Amino acid sequence: MAALELVRDVAVTTQSQEAATTEEQSLTTDLFERITLFDLRVEKPIVAQRPDGKWDVVVPVAARKLRADGKGKESEAPLHALISVGLFTADPSGPVIGRKDVLRMDQQGIRSGRQIFHFVTDRKPTHAGIDPLGLYIDRNTNDNIAPVEERSRRAS
């Protein structure tokens, strides 16, 4: 019940205020005025330890935005949005995750298509995700989070 109240409060607040940016206006329109679906997924993230002990992390993602009419016909729409990309030391879709398990959670500029994000962390991540909190309406949220595969660094 609390989640429903939060959504209602956000809707009322959002509709009563002007959006500050084009991205905010687009998101408001997508969430409250159109039938908008997203296809967000992480594709085989990898990690390699650096000589200085830190971790290089590569997170490939693919993203699409779809709009549906009232009859269910879908068409692809351009996607340009700030969406969270996160690195974790535990599976964020699991039953228990704490603040200590979140290595980083950053808003990234996501566009339609495939893109690759590079991060450096002090600790080794075990999972990476796009929209890991499930804020966007995505038909398959199971592919938003993926385990990170460790690769050894090549000798220079």
C-alpha atoms as a PDB file:
ATOM      1  CA  MET A   1       0.000   0.000   0.000  1.00  0.00           C
ATOM      2  CA  ALA A   2       2.896   2.392   0.753  1.00  0.00           C
ATOM      3  CA  ALA A   3       4.256   1.976  -2.811  1.00  0.00           C
ATOM      4  CA  LEU A   4       0.878   2.939  -4.276  1.00  0.00           C
ATOM      5  CA  GLU A   5       0.779   6.040  -2.088  1.00  0.00           C
ATOM      6  CA  LEU A   6       4.316   6.970  -3.182  1.00  0.00           C
ATOM      7  CA  VAL A   7       3.385   6.662  -6.868  1.00  0.00           C
ATOM      8  CA  ARG A   8       0.264   8.795  -6.303  1.00  0.00           C
ATOM      9  CA  ASP A   9       2.317  11.445  -4.462  1.00  0.00           C
ATOM     10  CA  VAL A  10       4.911  11.515  -7.243  1.00  0.00           C
ATOM     11  CA  ALA A  11       2.182  11.805  -9.875  1.00  0.00           C
ATOM     12  CA  VAL A  12       0.492  14.709  -8.091  1.00  0.00           C
ATOM     13  CA  THR A  13       3.798  16.477  -7.418  1.00  0.00           C
ATOM     14  CA  THR A  14       5.056  15.906 -10.955  1.00  0.00           C
ATOM     15  CA  GLN A  15       1.863  17.107 -12.578  1.00  0.00           C
ATOM     16  CA  SER A  16       1.764  20.233 -10.427  1.00  0.00           C
ATOM     17  CA  GLN A  17       5.350  21.300 -11.191  1.00  0.00           C
ATOM     18  CA  GLU A  18       7.088  22.294 -14.383  1.00  0.00           C
ATOM     19  CA  ALA A  19       9.838  19.930 -15.496  1.00  0.00           C
ATOM     20  CA  ALA A  20      13.260  21.546 -15.169  1.00  0.00           C
ATOM     21  CA  THR A  21      14.863  19.778 -18.128  1.00  0.00           C
ATOM     22  CA  THR A  22      13.797  18.269 -21.439  1.00  0.00           C
ATOM     23  CA  GLU A  23      14.654  14.797 -20.042  1.00  0.00           C
ATOM     24  CA  GLU A  24      12.394  15.355 -17.020  1.00  0.00           C
ATOM     25  CA  GLN A  25       9.533  16.525 -19.243  1.00  0.00           C
ATOM     26  CA  SER A  26      10.002  13.518 -21.529  1.00  0.00           C
ATOM     27  CA  LEU A  27      10.017  11.131 -18.554  1.00  0.00           C
ATOM     28  CA  THR A  28       6.872  12.726 -17.097  1.00  0.00           C
ATOM     29  CA  THR A  29       5.117  12.395 -20.452  1.00  0.00           C
ATOM     30  CA  ASP A  30       6.257   8.765 -20.825  1.00  0.00           C
ATOM     31  CA  LEU A  31       5.156   7.803 -17.310  1.00  0.00           C
ATOM     32  CA  PHE A  32       1.826   9.609 -17.088  1.00  0.00           C
ATOM     33  CA  GLU A  33       0.544  10.455 -20.555  1.00  0.00           C
ATOM     34  CA  ARG A  34       1.618   7.614 -22.869  1.00  0.00           C
ATOM     35  CA  ILE A  35       1.903   3.858 -22.809  1.00  0.00           C
ATOM     36  CA  THR A  36       5.690   3.554 -22.750  1.00  0.00           C
ATOM     37  CA  LEU A  37       7.700   0.374 -22.304  1.00  0.00           C
ATOM     38  CA  PHE A  38      11.441  -0.075 -22.023  1.00  0.00           C
ATOM     39  CA  ASP A  39      13.764  -2.910 -22.960  1.00  0.00           C
ATOM     40  CA  LEU A  40      16.860  -2.434 -20.787  1.00  0.00           C
ATOM     41  CA  ARG A  41      19.477  -5.151 -20.394  1.00  0.00           C
ATOM     42  CA  VAL A  42      23.050  -5.768 -19.316  1.00  0.00           C
ATOM     43  CA  GLU A  43      25.124  -7.897 -21.698  1.00  0.00           C
ATOM     44  CA  LYS A  44      28.026  -9.851 -20.133  1.00  0.00           C
ATOM     45  CA  PRO A  45      29.829  -7.366 -17.877  1.00  0.00           C
ATOM     46  CA  ILE A  46      33.493  -8.089 -17.189  1.00  0.00           C
ATOM     47  CA  VAL A  47      36.017  -7.078 -14.549  1.00  0.00           C
ATOM     48  CA  ALA A  48      39.816  -7.231 -14.426  1.00  0.00           C
ATOM     49  CA  GLN A  49      42.130  -6.325 -11.580  1.00  0.00           C
ATOM     50  CA  ARG A  50      44.613  -3.562 -12.308  1.00  0.00           C
ATOM     51  CA  PRO A  51      48.256  -3.546 -11.156  1.00  0.00           C
ATOM     52  CA  ASP A  52      47.344  -0.913  -8.537  1.00  0.00           C
ATOM     53  CA  GLY A  53      44.772  -3.304  -6.983  1.00  0.00           C
ATOM     54  CA  LYS A  54      41.709  -1.477  -8.283  1.00  0.00           C
ATOM     55  CA  TRP A  55      39.187  -3.049 -10.653  1.00  0.00           C
ATOM     56  CA  ASP A  56      38.401  -2.085 -14.263  1.00  0.00           C
ATOM     57  CA  VAL A  57      34.762  -2.846 -14.988  1.00  0.00           C
ATOM     58  CA  VAL A  58      33.155  -2.898 -18.427  1.00  0.00           C
ATOM     59  CA  VAL A  59      29.355  -2.901 -18.547  1.00  0.00           C
ATOM     60  CA  PRO A  60      27.763  -3.294 -21.988  1.00  0.00           C
ATOM     61  CA  VAL A  61      24.071  -2.391 -22.044  1.00  0.00           C
ATOM     62  CA  ALA A  62      21.352  -2.387 -24.675  1.00  0.00           C
ATOM     63  CA  ALA A  63      18.311  -0.154 -24.456  1.00  0.00           C
ATOM     64  CA  ARG A  64      15.102   0.513 -26.371  1.00  0.00           C
ATOM     65  CA  LYS A  65      12.001   2.577 -25.744  1.00  0.00           C
ATOM     66  CA  LEU A  66       8.673   1.465 -27.157  1.00  0.00           C
ATOM     67  CA  ARG A  67       5.347   3.258 -27.283  1.00  0.00           C
ATOM     68  CA  ALA A  68       2.063   1.402 -27.570  1.00  0.00           C
ATOM     69  CA  ASP A  69      -1.258   2.690 -28.740  1.00  0.00           C
ATOM     70  CA  GLY A  70      -4.536   1.753 -27.064  1.00  0.00           C
ATOM     71  CA  LYS A  71      -4.846  -1.304 -29.326  1.00  0.00           C
ATOM     72  CA  GLY A  72      -1.461  -2.751 -28.374  1.00  0.00           C
ATOM     73  CA  LYS A  73       0.443  -1.776 -31.517  1.00  0.00           C
ATOM     74  CA  GLU A  74       4.021  -0.941 -30.524  1.00  0.00           C
ATOM     75  CA  SER A  75       6.512   1.326 -32.252  1.00  0.00           C
ATOM     76  CA  GLU A  76      10.075   2.142 -31.319  1.00  0.00           C
ATOM     77  CA  ALA A  77      10.776   5.655 -30.043  1.00  0.00           C
ATOM     78  CA  PRO A  78      14.134   7.363 -29.535  1.00  0.00           C
ATOM     79  CA  LEU A  79      15.548   6.913 -26.053  1.00  0.00           C
ATOM     80  CA  HIS A  80      17.599   9.655 -24.415  1.00  0.00           C
ATOM     81  CA  ALA A  81      17.302   9.378 -20.628  1.00  0.00           C
ATOM     82  CA  LEU A  82      19.279   9.357 -17.413  1.00  0.00           C
ATOM     83  CA  ILE A  83      18.989   5.810 -16.060  1.00  0.00           C
ATOM     84  CA  SER A  84      20.818   4.240 -13.123  1.00  0.00           C
ATOM     85  CA  VAL A  85      23.691   1.871 -13.803  1.00  0.00           C
ATOM     86  CA  GLY A  86      24.991   0.116 -10.700  1.00  0.00           C
ATOM     87  CA  LEU A  87      27.816  -2.136  -9.535  1.00  0.00           C
ATOM     88  CA  PHE A  88      27.294  -4.456  -6.577  1.00  0.00           C
ATOM     89  CA  THR A  89      29.113  -6.964  -4.373  1.00  0.00           C
ATOM     90  CA  ALA A  90      25.918  -9.031  -4.022  1.00  0.00           C
ATOM     91  CA  ASP A  91      22.991  -9.758  -6.318  1.00  0.00           C
ATOM     92  CA  PRO A  92      20.685  -6.735  -5.954  1.00  0.00           C
ATOM     93  CA  SER A  93      17.700  -8.848  -7.004  1.00  0.00           C
ATOM     94  CA  GLY A  94      18.353 -11.189  -4.075  1.00  0.00           C
ATOM     95  CA  PRO A  95      16.418 -11.170  -0.801  1.00  0.00           C
ATOM     96  CA  VAL A  96      18.979  -9.201   1.215  1.00  0.00           C
ATOM     97  CA  ILE A  97      21.191  -6.391   0.005  1.00  0.00           C
ATOM     98  CA  GLY A  98      22.617  -3.592   2.081  1.00  0.00           C
ATOM     99  CA  ARG A  99      24.183  -0.226   1.416  1.00  0.00           C
ATOM    100  CA  LYS A 100      27.620  -1.848   1.831  1.00  0.00           C
ATOM    101  CA  ASP A 101      26.865  -4.035  -1.218  1.00  0.00           C
ATOM    102  CA  VAL A 102      26.421  -1.032  -3.544  1.00  0.00           C
ATOM    103  CA  LEU A 103      29.796  -0.067  -4.999  1.00  0.00           C
ATOM    104  CA  ARG A 104      28.310   2.661  -7.152  1.00  0.00           C
ATOM    105  CA  MET A 105      24.952   3.693  -8.538  1.00  0.00           C
ATOM    106  CA  ASP A 106      25.164   6.487 -11.098  1.00  0.00           C
ATOM    107  CA  GLN A 107      22.722   8.110 -13.483  1.00  0.00           C
ATOM    108  CA  GLN A 108      24.090   7.544 -16.971  1.00  0.00           C
ATOM    109  CA  GLY A 109      22.961   9.038 -20.252  1.00  0.00           C
ATOM    110  CA  ILE A 110      21.279   6.107 -21.960  1.00  0.00           C
ATOM    111  CA  ARG A 111      20.308   6.201 -25.619  1.00  0.00           C
ATOM    112  CA  SER A 112      18.665   3.713 -27.945  1.00  0.00           C
ATOM    113  CA  GLY A 113      20.967   0.867 -28.952  1.00  0.00           C
ATOM    114  CA  ARG A 114      24.065  -0.706 -27.478  1.00  0.00           C
ATOM    115  CA  GLN A 115      26.545   1.259 -25.392  1.00  0.00           C
ATOM    116  CA  ILE A 116      29.472   0.389 -23.134  1.00  0.00           C
ATOM    117  CA  PHE A 117      30.262   1.950 -19.766  1.00  0.00           C
ATOM    118  CA  HIS A 118      33.673   1.808 -18.081  1.00  0.00           C
ATOM    119  CA  PHE A 119      34.188   2.133 -14.325  1.00  0.00           C
ATOM    120  CA  VAL A 120      37.056   1.799 -11.855  1.00  0.00           C
ATOM    121  CA  THR A 121      36.268   0.515  -8.364  1.00  0.00           C
ATOM    122  CA  ASP A 122      38.243  -0.186  -5.197  1.00  0.00           C
ATOM    123  CA  ARG A 123      36.411  -3.472  -4.601  1.00  0.00           C
ATOM    124  CA  LYS A 124      35.540  -6.244  -7.047  1.00  0.00           C
ATOM    125  CA  PRO A 125      31.893  -6.175  -8.146  1.00  0.00           C
ATOM    126  CA  THR A 126      29.980  -9.422  -8.542  1.00  0.00           C
ATOM    127  CA  HIS A 127      26.961  -7.952 -10.364  1.00  0.00           C
ATOM    128  CA  ALA A 128      26.156  -5.035 -12.660  1.00  0.00           C
ATOM    129  CA  GLY A 129      22.761  -3.649 -13.536  1.00  0.00           C
ATOM    130  CA  ILE A 130      20.848  -1.073 -15.518  1.00  0.00           C
ATOM    131  CA  ASP A 131      17.775   0.279 -13.740  1.00  0.00           C
ATOM    132  CA  PRO A 132      18.475  -2.245 -10.949  1.00  0.00           C
ATOM    133  CA  LEU A 133      15.647  -0.814  -8.812  1.00  0.00           C
ATOM    134  CA  GLY A 134      13.123  -1.420 -11.593  1.00  0.00           C
ATOM    135  CA  LEU A 135      11.867   2.149 -11.895  1.00  0.00           C
ATOM    136  CA  TYR A 136      11.121   1.871 -15.627  1.00  0.00           C
ATOM    137  CA  ILE A 137       8.347  -0.326 -17.044  1.00  0.00           C
ATOM    138  CA  ASP A 138      10.359  -3.155 -18.565  1.00  0.00           C
ATOM    139  CA  ARG A 139       8.765  -6.385 -19.761  1.00  0.00           C
ATOM    140  CA  ASN A 140      11.772  -8.446 -18.754  1.00  0.00           C
ATOM    141  CA  THR A 141      13.514  -7.122 -15.662  1.00  0.00           C
ATOM    142  CA  ASN A 142      15.417 -10.416 -15.311  1.00  0.00           C
ATOM    143  CA  ASP A 143      18.028  -9.210 -17.807  1.00  0.00           C
ATOM    144  CA  ASN A 144      18.601  -5.839 -16.107  1.00  0.00           C
ATOM    145  CA  ILE A 145      21.157  -7.400 -13.728  1.00  0.00           C
ATOM    146  CA  ALA A 146      23.939  -9.807 -14.632  1.00  0.00           C
ATOM    147  CA  PRO A 147      26.855 -11.448 -12.819  1.00  0.00           C
ATOM    148  CA  VAL A 148      30.239  -9.929 -13.626  1.00  0.00           C
ATOM    149  CA  GLU A 149      32.777 -12.279 -15.197  1.00  0.00           C
ATOM    150  CA  GLU A 150      36.404 -11.888 -14.152  1.00  0.00           C
ATOM    151  CA  ARG A 151      39.010 -11.702 -16.879  1.00  0.00           C
ATOM    152  CA  SER A 152      42.731 -11.704 -16.338  1.00  0.00           C
ATOM    153  CA  ARG A 153      44.679  -8.706 -17.569  1.00  0.00           C
ATOM    154  CA  ARG A 154      46.954  -9.252 -20.519  1.00  0.00           C
ATOM    155  CA  ALA A 155      50.634  -8.741 -19.926  1.00  0.00           C
ATOM    156  CA  SER A 156      51.911  -5.517 -21.522  1.00  0.00           C
END
